[in-house]
């Protein structure tokens, strides 16, 4: 775990684990303790502090989304998985408050940009995860449960705009489930193609995910 310590790693609070933590919730539906534990093992290889909490927050949103459609409840479930005194948790609470105050997402984006990108007391790491996480929440909070709107708003927030809308959409898609997705999101997926830098095509990925989910269920009793 020392590999992620700030003394050794200038990007310890970056976005790395947040954008890779989807797996932890997808293989632990309704099991936040499993998600948190996976973050302590794998998240700490690359990130520290908020960098780890961000992934645990994201993974716990996924885990909750299997059984919940209300975005505010999904976010609250993620928030319960990380230390309330952490800066990342503070960012989540800020985004929730700004959403209540501002019907226009661009106003909330400006506030998030000012505090979590421009203020060096908060933006302390290259690709600081607090700002990137704010843009994930921007899409979820202003997307009104609409898939395209969620993706577009999160992407228009800028910065790491391939990853942030993917995280926002992933949580929302999980809450909807495959049976509820419009055909255009998946019907043309080439299920035989091997994903780059992996040994998996889509069916193999589903099989190993199910295997790991069953292991998580057994571990959780």
C-alpha atoms as a PDB file:
ATOM      1  CA  UNK A   1       0.000   0.000   0.000  1.00  0.00           C
ATOM      2  CA  UNK A   2       2.928   2.388   0.449  1.00  0.00           C
ATOM      3  CA  UNK A   3       3.080   2.680  -3.337  1.00  0.00           C
ATOM      4  CA  UNK A   4       0.254   5.230  -3.140  1.00  0.00           C
ATOM      5  CA  UNK A   5       1.619   7.327  -0.271  1.00  0.00           C
ATOM      6  CA  UNK A   6       1.864  11.063  -1.060  1.00  0.00           C
ATOM      7  CA  UNK A   7       5.561  11.014  -0.194  1.00  0.00           C
ATOM      8  CA  UNK A   8       6.122   8.629  -3.087  1.00  0.00           C
ATOM      9  CA  UNK A   9       3.374   9.555  -5.516  1.00  0.00           C
ATOM     10  CA  UNK A  10       2.490  13.085  -6.625  1.00  0.00           C
ATOM     11  CA  UNK A  11      -0.927  11.962  -7.954  1.00  0.00           C
ATOM     12  CA  UNK A  12      -2.097  10.112  -4.868  1.00  0.00           C
ATOM     13  CA  UNK A  13      -5.374  12.054  -4.862  1.00  0.00           C
ATOM     14  CA  UNK A  14      -6.053  11.671  -8.579  1.00  0.00           C
ATOM     15  CA  UNK A  15      -8.914  10.042 -10.439  1.00  0.00           C
ATOM     16  CA  UNK A  16      -7.357   6.589 -11.014  1.00  0.00           C
ATOM     17  CA  UNK A  17      -9.363   4.437  -8.622  1.00  0.00           C
ATOM     18  CA  UNK A  18     -12.617   6.338  -9.110  1.00  0.00           C
ATOM     19  CA  UNK A  19     -12.659   5.435 -12.803  1.00  0.00           C
ATOM     20  CA  UNK A  20     -11.746   1.808 -12.125  1.00  0.00           C
ATOM     21  CA  UNK A  21     -13.947   1.110  -9.101  1.00  0.00           C
ATOM     22  CA  UNK A  22     -17.070   0.214 -11.101  1.00  0.00           C
ATOM     23  CA  UNK A  23     -16.075  -3.456 -10.840  1.00  0.00           C
ATOM     24  CA  UNK A  24     -16.345  -3.418  -7.049  1.00  0.00           C
ATOM     25  CA  UNK A  25     -20.024  -2.497  -7.032  1.00  0.00           C
ATOM     26  CA  UNK A  26     -20.915  -4.609 -10.038  1.00  0.00           C
ATOM     27  CA  UNK A  27     -19.634  -7.765  -8.334  1.00  0.00           C
ATOM     28  CA  UNK A  28     -21.081  -6.867  -4.919  1.00  0.00           C
ATOM     29  CA  UNK A  29     -24.730  -5.898  -5.447  1.00  0.00           C
ATOM     30  CA  UNK A  30     -26.187  -4.624  -2.187  1.00  0.00           C
ATOM     31  CA  UNK A  31     -22.936  -5.404  -0.333  1.00  0.00           C
ATOM     32  CA  UNK A  32     -21.208  -2.116   0.537  1.00  0.00           C
ATOM     33  CA  UNK A  33     -18.807  -3.715   3.028  1.00  0.00           C
ATOM     34  CA  UNK A  34     -17.374  -5.828   0.202  1.00  0.00           C
ATOM     35  CA  UNK A  35     -16.952  -2.697  -1.923  1.00  0.00           C
ATOM     36  CA  UNK A  36     -15.156  -0.865   0.883  1.00  0.00           C
ATOM     37  CA  UNK A  37     -12.840  -3.823   1.465  1.00  0.00           C
ATOM     38  CA  UNK A  38     -11.935  -4.080  -2.211  1.00  0.00           C
ATOM     39  CA  UNK A  39     -11.057  -0.380  -2.142  1.00  0.00           C
ATOM     40  CA  UNK A  40      -8.756  -0.893   0.819  1.00  0.00           C
ATOM     41  CA  UNK A  41      -6.942  -3.666  -1.060  1.00  0.00           C
ATOM     42  CA  UNK A  42      -6.822  -2.433  -4.668  1.00  0.00           C
ATOM     43  CA  UNK A  43      -7.537   1.290  -4.426  1.00  0.00           C
ATOM     44  CA  UNK A  44      -4.577   1.816  -2.120  1.00  0.00           C
ATOM     45  CA  UNK A  45      -2.168   0.415  -4.680  1.00  0.00           C
ATOM     46  CA  UNK A  46      -2.582   3.599  -6.726  1.00  0.00           C
ATOM     47  CA  UNK A  47      -4.305   6.236  -4.607  1.00  0.00           C
ATOM     48  CA  UNK A  48      -4.455   7.579  -1.059  1.00  0.00           C
ATOM     49  CA  UNK A  49      -7.052   9.403   1.038  1.00  0.00           C
ATOM     50  CA  UNK A  50      -9.695  10.990  -1.160  1.00  0.00           C
ATOM     51  CA  UNK A  51      -8.379   9.022  -4.114  1.00  0.00           C
ATOM     52  CA  UNK A  52      -9.445   5.805  -2.364  1.00  0.00           C
ATOM     53  CA  UNK A  53     -12.638   7.228  -0.870  1.00  0.00           C
ATOM     54  CA  UNK A  54     -13.772   8.331  -4.335  1.00  0.00           C
ATOM     55  CA  UNK A  55     -13.617   4.769  -5.606  1.00  0.00           C
ATOM     56  CA  UNK A  56     -15.374   3.391  -2.549  1.00  0.00           C
ATOM     57  CA  UNK A  57     -18.089   6.027  -2.983  1.00  0.00           C
ATOM     58  CA  UNK A  58     -18.498   5.128  -6.652  1.00  0.00           C
ATOM     59  CA  UNK A  59     -18.510   1.393  -6.031  1.00  0.00           C
ATOM     60  CA  UNK A  60     -21.102   1.742  -3.289  1.00  0.00           C
ATOM     61  CA  UNK A  61     -23.349   3.750  -5.615  1.00  0.00           C
ATOM     62  CA  UNK A  62     -23.199   0.867  -8.083  1.00  0.00           C
ATOM     63  CA  UNK A  63     -23.939  -1.669  -5.346  1.00  0.00           C
ATOM     64  CA  UNK A  64     -26.990   0.326  -4.263  1.00  0.00           C
ATOM     65  CA  UNK A  65     -28.189   0.957  -7.834  1.00  0.00           C
ATOM     66  CA  UNK A  66     -29.108  -2.708  -8.279  1.00  0.00           C
ATOM     67  CA  UNK A  67     -31.965  -2.178  -5.836  1.00  0.00           C
ATOM     68  CA  UNK A  68     -32.690   1.564  -5.977  1.00  0.00           C
ATOM     69  CA  UNK A  69     -33.714   3.996  -8.719  1.00  0.00           C
ATOM     70  CA  UNK A  70     -33.794   7.241  -6.726  1.00  0.00           C
ATOM     71  CA  UNK A  71     -30.513   9.015  -7.515  1.00  0.00           C
ATOM     72  CA  UNK A  72     -30.475  10.911  -4.217  1.00  0.00           C
ATOM     73  CA  UNK A  73     -30.774   7.643  -2.294  1.00  0.00           C
ATOM     74  CA  UNK A  74     -28.036   6.081  -4.426  1.00  0.00           C
ATOM     75  CA  UNK A  75     -25.729   9.019  -3.711  1.00  0.00           C
ATOM     76  CA  UNK A  76     -26.557   8.847  -0.012  1.00  0.00           C
ATOM     77  CA  UNK A  77     -25.626   5.162   0.004  1.00  0.00           C
ATOM     78  CA  UNK A  78     -22.256   6.039  -1.492  1.00  0.00           C
ATOM     79  CA  UNK A  79     -21.748   8.811   1.032  1.00  0.00           C
ATOM     80  CA  UNK A  80     -22.281   6.369   3.910  1.00  0.00           C
ATOM     81  CA  UNK A  81     -19.308   4.330   2.682  1.00  0.00           C
ATOM     82  CA  UNK A  82     -16.651   7.012   3.190  1.00  0.00           C
ATOM     83  CA  UNK A  83     -15.425   9.109   6.149  1.00  0.00           C
ATOM     84  CA  UNK A  84     -17.809  12.069   6.622  1.00  0.00           C
ATOM     85  CA  UNK A  85     -14.893  14.376   7.495  1.00  0.00           C
ATOM     86  CA  UNK A  86     -13.057  13.687   4.230  1.00  0.00           C
ATOM     87  CA  UNK A  87     -12.806  16.402   1.597  1.00  0.00           C
ATOM     88  CA  UNK A  88     -14.473  14.076  -0.908  1.00  0.00           C
ATOM     89  CA  UNK A  89     -17.512  13.693   1.329  1.00  0.00           C
ATOM     90  CA  UNK A  90     -17.570  17.468   1.699  1.00  0.00           C
ATOM     91  CA  UNK A  91     -17.630  17.785  -2.088  1.00  0.00           C
ATOM     92  CA  UNK A  92     -20.587  15.409  -2.319  1.00  0.00           C
ATOM     93  CA  UNK A  93     -22.504  17.432   0.266  1.00  0.00           C
ATOM     94  CA  UNK A  94     -21.649  20.639  -1.622  1.00  0.00           C
ATOM     95  CA  UNK A  95     -23.016  19.211  -4.859  1.00  0.00           C
ATOM     96  CA  UNK A  96     -26.229  18.134  -3.169  1.00  0.00           C
ATOM     97  CA  UNK A  97     -26.684  21.591  -1.648  1.00  0.00           C
ATOM     98  CA  UNK A  98     -25.899  23.398  -4.903  1.00  0.00           C
ATOM     99  CA  UNK A  99     -28.408  21.197  -6.719  1.00  0.00           C
ATOM    100  CA  UNK A 100     -31.106  22.226  -4.249  1.00  0.00           C
ATOM    101  CA  UNK A 101     -30.223  25.884  -4.715  1.00  0.00           C
ATOM    102  CA  UNK A 102     -29.677  26.003  -8.481  1.00  0.00           C
ATOM    103  CA  UNK A 103     -32.031  24.668 -11.153  1.00  0.00           C
ATOM    104  CA  UNK A 104     -29.374  25.457 -13.790  1.00  0.00           C
ATOM    105  CA  UNK A 105     -26.553  22.896 -13.949  1.00  0.00           C
ATOM    106  CA  UNK A 106     -24.157  25.475 -15.389  1.00  0.00           C
ATOM    107  CA  UNK A 107     -24.363  27.535 -12.207  1.00  0.00           C
ATOM    108  CA  UNK A 108     -23.479  24.485 -10.120  1.00  0.00           C
ATOM    109  CA  UNK A 109     -20.667  23.666 -12.548  1.00  0.00           C
ATOM    110  CA  UNK A 110     -19.273  27.189 -12.010  1.00  0.00           C
ATOM    111  CA  UNK A 111     -19.380  26.771  -8.234  1.00  0.00           C
ATOM    112  CA  UNK A 112     -17.684  23.370  -8.423  1.00  0.00           C
ATOM    113  CA  UNK A 113     -15.046  24.716 -10.790  1.00  0.00           C
ATOM    114  CA  UNK A 114     -14.342  27.665  -8.520  1.00  0.00           C
ATOM    115  CA  UNK A 115     -13.967  25.620  -5.341  1.00  0.00           C
ATOM    116  CA  UNK A 116     -12.644  22.254  -6.488  1.00  0.00           C
ATOM    117  CA  UNK A 117     -10.543  23.265  -9.498  1.00  0.00           C
ATOM    118  CA  UNK A 118      -9.327  26.804  -8.938  1.00  0.00           C
ATOM    119  CA  UNK A 119      -8.848  26.783  -5.158  1.00  0.00           C
ATOM    120  CA  UNK A 120      -5.488  25.136  -4.425  1.00  0.00           C
ATOM    121  CA  UNK A 121      -6.651  24.259  -0.922  1.00  0.00           C
ATOM    122  CA  UNK A 122      -8.939  21.706  -2.576  1.00  0.00           C
ATOM    123  CA  UNK A 123      -7.336  20.974  -5.945  1.00  0.00           C
ATOM    124  CA  UNK A 124      -4.186  19.430  -4.523  1.00  0.00           C
ATOM    125  CA  UNK A 125      -3.349  16.665  -7.007  1.00  0.00           C
ATOM    126  CA  UNK A 126      -3.098  16.453 -10.796  1.00  0.00           C
ATOM    127  CA  UNK A 127      -6.536  15.351 -12.045  1.00  0.00           C
ATOM    128  CA  UNK A 128      -7.771  15.823  -8.491  1.00  0.00           C
ATOM    129  CA  UNK A 129     -10.575  13.358  -7.873  1.00  0.00           C
ATOM    130  CA  UNK A 130     -12.767  15.802  -5.960  1.00  0.00           C
ATOM    131  CA  UNK A 131     -13.302  17.922  -9.056  1.00  0.00           C
ATOM    132  CA  UNK A 132     -13.721  14.922 -11.340  1.00  0.00           C
ATOM    133  CA  UNK A 133     -16.190  13.398  -8.887  1.00  0.00           C
ATOM    134  CA  UNK A 134     -18.142  16.644  -8.857  1.00  0.00           C
ATOM    135  CA  UNK A 135     -18.619  16.313 -12.614  1.00  0.00           C
ATOM    136  CA  UNK A 136     -19.893  12.743 -12.216  1.00  0.00           C
ATOM    137  CA  UNK A 137     -22.457  14.031  -9.727  1.00  0.00           C
ATOM    138  CA  UNK A 138     -23.282  16.976 -11.991  1.00  0.00           C
ATOM    139  CA  UNK A 139     -24.636  14.566 -14.586  1.00  0.00           C
ATOM    140  CA  UNK A 140     -26.456  12.377 -12.069  1.00  0.00           C
ATOM    141  CA  UNK A 141     -28.044  15.293 -10.207  1.00  0.00           C
ATOM    142  CA  UNK A 142     -29.170  17.246 -13.276  1.00  0.00           C
ATOM    143  CA  UNK A 143     -29.830  14.384 -15.676  1.00  0.00           C
ATOM    144  CA  UNK A 144     -33.298  13.728 -14.215  1.00  0.00           C
ATOM    145  CA  UNK A 145     -32.878  10.004 -14.802  1.00  0.00           C
ATOM    146  CA  UNK A 146     -32.532  10.518 -18.565  1.00  0.00           C
ATOM    147  CA  UNK A 147     -29.621   8.534 -20.017  1.00  0.00           C
ATOM    148  CA  UNK A 148     -28.594  10.956 -22.762  1.00  0.00           C
ATOM    149  CA  UNK A 149     -29.048  14.051 -20.605  1.00  0.00           C
ATOM    150  CA  UNK A 150     -26.956  12.568 -17.794  1.00  0.00           C
ATOM    151  CA  UNK A 151     -24.107  11.712 -20.172  1.00  0.00           C
ATOM    152  CA  UNK A 152     -24.177  15.048 -21.975  1.00  0.00           C
ATOM    153  CA  UNK A 153     -24.173  17.198 -18.833  1.00  0.00           C
ATOM    154  CA  UNK A 154     -21.347  15.236 -17.238  1.00  0.00           C
ATOM    155  CA  UNK A 155     -19.337  15.384 -20.462  1.00  0.00           C
ATOM    156  CA  UNK A 156     -19.939  19.099 -20.934  1.00  0.00           C
ATOM    157  CA  UNK A 157     -18.441  19.644 -17.500  1.00  0.00           C
ATOM    158  CA  UNK A 158     -15.103  19.010 -19.216  1.00  0.00           C
ATOM    159  CA  UNK A 159     -11.822  17.846 -17.673  1.00  0.00           C
ATOM    160  CA  UNK A 160     -11.600  14.020 -17.780  1.00  0.00           C
ATOM    161  CA  UNK A 161     -14.662  13.934 -19.998  1.00  0.00           C
ATOM    162  CA  UNK A 162     -14.334  10.349 -21.205  1.00  0.00           C
ATOM    163  CA  UNK A 163     -14.347   8.913 -17.672  1.00  0.00           C
ATOM    164  CA  UNK A 164     -16.764  11.153 -15.797  1.00  0.00           C
ATOM    165  CA  UNK A 165     -19.809  10.598 -18.035  1.00  0.00           C
ATOM    166  CA  UNK A 166     -18.969   6.890 -18.095  1.00  0.00           C
ATOM    167  CA  UNK A 167     -19.126   6.751 -14.296  1.00  0.00           C
ATOM    168  CA  UNK A 168     -22.363   8.736 -14.182  1.00  0.00           C
ATOM    169  CA  UNK A 169     -23.964   6.637 -16.910  1.00  0.00           C
ATOM    170  CA  UNK A 170     -22.747   3.386 -15.381  1.00  0.00           C
ATOM    171  CA  UNK A 171     -24.501   4.064 -12.102  1.00  0.00           C
ATOM    172  CA  UNK A 172     -27.679   5.169 -13.862  1.00  0.00           C
ATOM    173  CA  UNK A 173     -27.649   2.226 -16.284  1.00  0.00           C
ATOM    174  CA  UNK A 174     -27.260  -0.165 -13.347  1.00  0.00           C
ATOM    175  CA  UNK A 175     -30.338   1.312 -11.694  1.00  0.00           C
ATOM    176  CA  UNK A 176     -32.326   0.782 -14.911  1.00  0.00           C
ATOM    177  CA  UNK A 177     -31.064  -2.696 -15.812  1.00  0.00           C
ATOM    178  CA  UNK A 178     -30.583  -4.271 -19.227  1.00  0.00           C
ATOM    179  CA  UNK A 179     -34.272  -4.941 -19.761  1.00  0.00           C
ATOM    180  CA  UNK A 180     -34.999  -1.225 -19.414  1.00  0.00           C
ATOM    181  CA  UNK A 181     -32.305   0.054 -21.777  1.00  0.00           C
ATOM    182  CA  UNK A 182     -33.192   1.307 -25.257  1.00  0.00           C
ATOM    183  CA  UNK A 183     -31.883  -1.065 -27.931  1.00  0.00           C
ATOM    184  CA  UNK A 184     -29.489   1.527 -29.341  1.00  0.00           C
ATOM    185  CA  UNK A 185     -27.301   1.300 -26.251  1.00  0.00           C
ATOM    186  CA  UNK A 186     -26.326  -2.336 -26.658  1.00  0.00           C
ATOM    187  CA  UNK A 187     -27.875  -4.192 -29.623  1.00  0.00           C
ATOM    188  CA  UNK A 188     -24.897  -3.532 -31.919  1.00  0.00           C
ATOM    189  CA  UNK A 189     -22.303  -4.605 -29.372  1.00  0.00           C
ATOM    190  CA  UNK A 190     -19.914  -7.128 -30.937  1.00  0.00           C
ATOM    191  CA  UNK A 191     -19.945  -9.739 -28.196  1.00  0.00           C
ATOM    192  CA  UNK A 192     -17.215 -11.818 -29.833  1.00  0.00           C
ATOM    193  CA  UNK A 193     -14.583  -9.070 -29.856  1.00  0.00           C
ATOM    194  CA  UNK A 194     -11.821  -9.275 -27.250  1.00  0.00           C
ATOM    195  CA  UNK A 195     -11.458  -6.076 -25.214  1.00  0.00           C
ATOM    196  CA  UNK A 196      -8.048  -4.412 -25.665  1.00  0.00           C
ATOM    197  CA  UNK A 197      -5.331  -5.499 -23.221  1.00  0.00           C
ATOM    198  CA  UNK A 198      -7.563  -8.227 -21.738  1.00  0.00           C
ATOM    199  CA  UNK A 199      -8.415 -11.884 -22.291  1.00  0.00           C
ATOM    200  CA  UNK A 200     -12.171 -11.195 -22.233  1.00  0.00           C
ATOM    201  CA  UNK A 201     -14.943 -10.738 -24.710  1.00  0.00           C
ATOM    202  CA  UNK A 202     -18.381  -9.683 -23.452  1.00  0.00           C
ATOM    203  CA  UNK A 203     -19.754 -13.160 -22.544  1.00  0.00           C
ATOM    204  CA  UNK A 204     -16.503 -14.059 -20.768  1.00  0.00           C
ATOM    205  CA  UNK A 205     -16.645 -10.785 -18.858  1.00  0.00           C
ATOM    206  CA  UNK A 206     -20.219 -11.522 -17.762  1.00  0.00           C
ATOM    207  CA  UNK A 207     -19.214 -15.015 -16.664  1.00  0.00           C
ATOM    208  CA  UNK A 208     -16.295 -13.901 -14.510  1.00  0.00           C
ATOM    209  CA  UNK A 209     -18.391 -11.074 -13.050  1.00  0.00           C
ATOM    210  CA  UNK A 210     -21.096 -13.533 -12.038  1.00  0.00           C
ATOM    211  CA  UNK A 211     -18.478 -15.854 -10.550  1.00  0.00           C
ATOM    212  CA  UNK A 212     -17.020 -13.034  -8.451  1.00  0.00           C
ATOM    213  CA  UNK A 213     -20.466 -11.807  -7.412  1.00  0.00           C
ATOM    214  CA  UNK A 214     -21.329 -15.299  -6.158  1.00  0.00           C
ATOM    215  CA  UNK A 215     -18.075 -15.382  -4.197  1.00  0.00           C
ATOM    216  CA  UNK A 216     -18.911 -12.001  -2.670  1.00  0.00           C
ATOM    217  CA  UNK A 217     -22.365 -13.227  -1.646  1.00  0.00           C
ATOM    218  CA  UNK A 218     -20.893 -16.295   0.043  1.00  0.00           C
ATOM    219  CA  UNK A 219     -18.251 -14.191   1.786  1.00  0.00           C
ATOM    220  CA  UNK A 220     -20.949 -11.856   3.088  1.00  0.00           C
ATOM    221  CA  UNK A 221     -22.959 -14.780   4.391  1.00  0.00           C
END
